[in-house]
């Protein structure tokens, strides 16, 4: 029984000591701010890179569509020119 009383008293002191130190120190706050800033900057950089990649891909797609349209127009013109002159 004596051991449990000593253990309970020691535990009670430990809990009181931790309760008085429950706040966040300035160093911890600054470190968390730096880590959060790094994470936010990384996400921002990722978004910028994705936006550039999307813009580049959109330009490639637009160029392909333009070439496809020109090929369709050219093939129609060539078909019309290759027809028999009597069909006109």
C-alpha atoms as a PDB file:
ATOM      1  CA  UNK A   1       0.000   0.000   0.000  1.00  0.00           C
ATOM      2  CA  UNK A   2       2.887   2.312   0.726  1.00  0.00           C
ATOM      3  CA  UNK A   3       4.164   1.932  -2.852  1.00  0.00           C
ATOM      4  CA  UNK A   4       0.834   2.885  -4.363  1.00  0.00           C
ATOM      5  CA  UNK A   5       0.665   6.030  -2.218  1.00  0.00           C
ATOM      6  CA  UNK A   6       4.182   7.054  -3.245  1.00  0.00           C
ATOM      7  CA  UNK A   7       3.430   6.288  -6.892  1.00  0.00           C
ATOM      8  CA  UNK A   8       0.161   8.240  -6.742  1.00  0.00           C
ATOM      9  CA  UNK A   9       1.908  11.229  -5.132  1.00  0.00           C
ATOM     10  CA  UNK A  10       4.704  11.127  -7.743  1.00  0.00           C
ATOM     11  CA  UNK A  11       2.147  10.851 -10.555  1.00  0.00           C
ATOM     12  CA  UNK A  12       0.203  13.774  -9.117  1.00  0.00           C
ATOM     13  CA  UNK A  13       3.327  15.974  -9.106  1.00  0.00           C
ATOM     14  CA  UNK A  14       4.158  14.921 -12.653  1.00  0.00           C
ATOM     15  CA  UNK A  15       0.659  15.808 -13.862  1.00  0.00           C
ATOM     16  CA  UNK A  16       0.792  19.211 -12.141  1.00  0.00           C
ATOM     17  CA  UNK A  17       4.208  19.941 -13.633  1.00  0.00           C
ATOM     18  CA  UNK A  18       3.001  19.079 -17.149  1.00  0.00           C
ATOM     19  CA  UNK A  19      -0.135  21.163 -16.699  1.00  0.00           C
ATOM     20  CA  UNK A  20       1.976  24.224 -15.947  1.00  0.00           C
ATOM     21  CA  UNK A  21       4.002  23.592 -19.136  1.00  0.00           C
ATOM     22  CA  UNK A  22       1.006  22.964 -21.402  1.00  0.00           C
ATOM     23  CA  UNK A  23       1.593  25.992 -23.654  1.00  0.00           C
ATOM     24  CA  UNK A  24       3.521  26.214 -26.905  1.00  0.00           C
ATOM     25  CA  UNK A  25       6.936  27.835 -26.781  1.00  0.00           C
ATOM     26  CA  UNK A  26       8.016  30.520 -29.199  1.00  0.00           C
ATOM     27  CA  UNK A  27      10.594  28.192 -30.755  1.00  0.00           C
ATOM     28  CA  UNK A  28       7.950  25.520 -31.401  1.00  0.00           C
ATOM     29  CA  UNK A  29       5.683  28.124 -32.933  1.00  0.00           C
ATOM     30  CA  UNK A  30       8.444  29.447 -35.189  1.00  0.00           C
ATOM     31  CA  UNK A  31       9.425  25.937 -36.317  1.00  0.00           C
ATOM     32  CA  UNK A  32       5.832  25.071 -37.139  1.00  0.00           C
ATOM     33  CA  UNK A  33       5.520  28.355 -39.056  1.00  0.00           C
ATOM     34  CA  UNK A  34       8.640  27.571 -41.104  1.00  0.00           C
ATOM     35  CA  UNK A  35       7.428  24.025 -41.846  1.00  0.00           C
ATOM     36  CA  UNK A  36       3.987  25.310 -42.863  1.00  0.00           C
ATOM     37  CA  UNK A  37       5.591  27.950 -45.101  1.00  0.00           C
ATOM     38  CA  UNK A  38       7.701  25.314 -46.833  1.00  0.00           C
ATOM     39  CA  UNK A  39       4.649  23.117 -47.414  1.00  0.00           C
ATOM     40  CA  UNK A  40       2.585  26.021 -48.779  1.00  0.00           C
ATOM     41  CA  UNK A  41       5.450  27.169 -51.036  1.00  0.00           C
ATOM     42  CA  UNK A  42       5.829  23.627 -52.380  1.00  0.00           C
ATOM     43  CA  UNK A  43       2.117  23.360 -53.125  1.00  0.00           C
ATOM     44  CA  UNK A  44       2.172  26.758 -54.834  1.00  0.00           C
ATOM     45  CA  UNK A  45       5.163  25.745 -56.968  1.00  0.00           C
ATOM     46  CA  UNK A  46       3.413  22.510 -57.902  1.00  0.00           C
ATOM     47  CA  UNK A  47       0.325  24.436 -58.994  1.00  0.00           C
ATOM     48  CA  UNK A  48       2.420  26.798 -61.132  1.00  0.00           C
ATOM     49  CA  UNK A  49       4.189  23.871 -62.804  1.00  0.00           C
ATOM     50  CA  UNK A  50       0.888  22.125 -63.480  1.00  0.00           C
ATOM     51  CA  UNK A  51      -0.553  25.308 -64.969  1.00  0.00           C
ATOM     52  CA  UNK A  52       2.429  25.663 -67.306  1.00  0.00           C
ATOM     53  CA  UNK A  53       2.180  22.019 -68.357  1.00  0.00           C
ATOM     54  CA  UNK A  54      -1.544  22.419 -69.047  1.00  0.00           C
ATOM     55  CA  UNK A  55      -0.948  25.552 -71.123  1.00  0.00           C
ATOM     56  CA  UNK A  56       1.780  23.810 -73.117  1.00  0.00           C
ATOM     57  CA  UNK A  57      -0.402  20.755 -73.704  1.00  0.00           C
ATOM     58  CA  UNK A  58      -3.319  22.954 -74.768  1.00  0.00           C
ATOM     59  CA  UNK A  59      -1.100  24.707 -77.337  1.00  0.00           C
ATOM     60  CA  UNK A  60       0.015  21.335 -78.735  1.00  0.00           C
ATOM     61  CA  UNK A  61      -3.607  20.187 -78.955  1.00  0.00           C
ATOM     62  CA  UNK A  62      -4.651  23.407 -80.713  1.00  0.00           C
ATOM     63  CA  UNK A  63      -1.829  23.001 -83.235  1.00  0.00           C
ATOM     64  CA  UNK A  64      -2.848  19.398 -83.929  1.00  0.00           C
ATOM     65  CA  UNK A  65      -6.472  20.435 -84.451  1.00  0.00           C
ATOM     66  CA  UNK A  66      -5.389  23.167 -86.849  1.00  0.00           C
ATOM     67  CA  UNK A  67      -3.253  20.732 -88.835  1.00  0.00           C
ATOM     68  CA  UNK A  68      -6.085  18.189 -88.905  1.00  0.00           C
ATOM     69  CA  UNK A  69      -8.510  20.831 -90.191  1.00  0.00           C
ATOM     70  CA  UNK A  70      -6.034  21.912 -92.856  1.00  0.00           C
ATOM     71  CA  UNK A  71      -5.547  18.270 -93.923  1.00  0.00           C
ATOM     72  CA  UNK A  72      -9.307  17.773 -94.247  1.00  0.00           C
ATOM     73  CA  UNK A  73      -9.656  20.957 -96.285  1.00  0.00           C
ATOM     74  CA  UNK A  74      -6.686  20.066 -98.490  1.00  0.00           C
ATOM     75  CA  UNK A  75      -7.977  16.541 -99.133  1.00  0.00           C
ATOM     76  CA  UNK A  76     -11.403  17.917-100.091  1.00  0.00           C
ATOM     77  CA  UNK A  77      -9.802  20.399-102.491  1.00  0.00           C
ATOM     78  CA  UNK A  78      -7.607  17.698-104.020  1.00  0.00           C
ATOM     79  CA  UNK A  79     -10.593  15.388-104.474  1.00  0.00           C
ATOM     80  CA  UNK A  80     -12.495  18.164-106.186  1.00  0.00           C
ATOM     81  CA  UNK A  81      -9.543  18.920-108.489  1.00  0.00           C
ATOM     82  CA  UNK A  82      -9.013  15.272-109.381  1.00  0.00           C
ATOM     83  CA  UNK A  83     -12.587  14.738-110.528  1.00  0.00           C
ATOM     84  CA  UNK A  84     -13.294  14.120-114.112  1.00  0.00           C
ATOM     85  CA  UNK A  85     -13.842  17.462-115.896  1.00  0.00           C
ATOM     86  CA  UNK A  86     -17.020  16.081-117.444  1.00  0.00           C
ATOM     87  CA  UNK A  87     -18.606  15.723-113.958  1.00  0.00           C
ATOM     88  CA  UNK A  88     -18.535  19.437-113.311  1.00  0.00           C
END
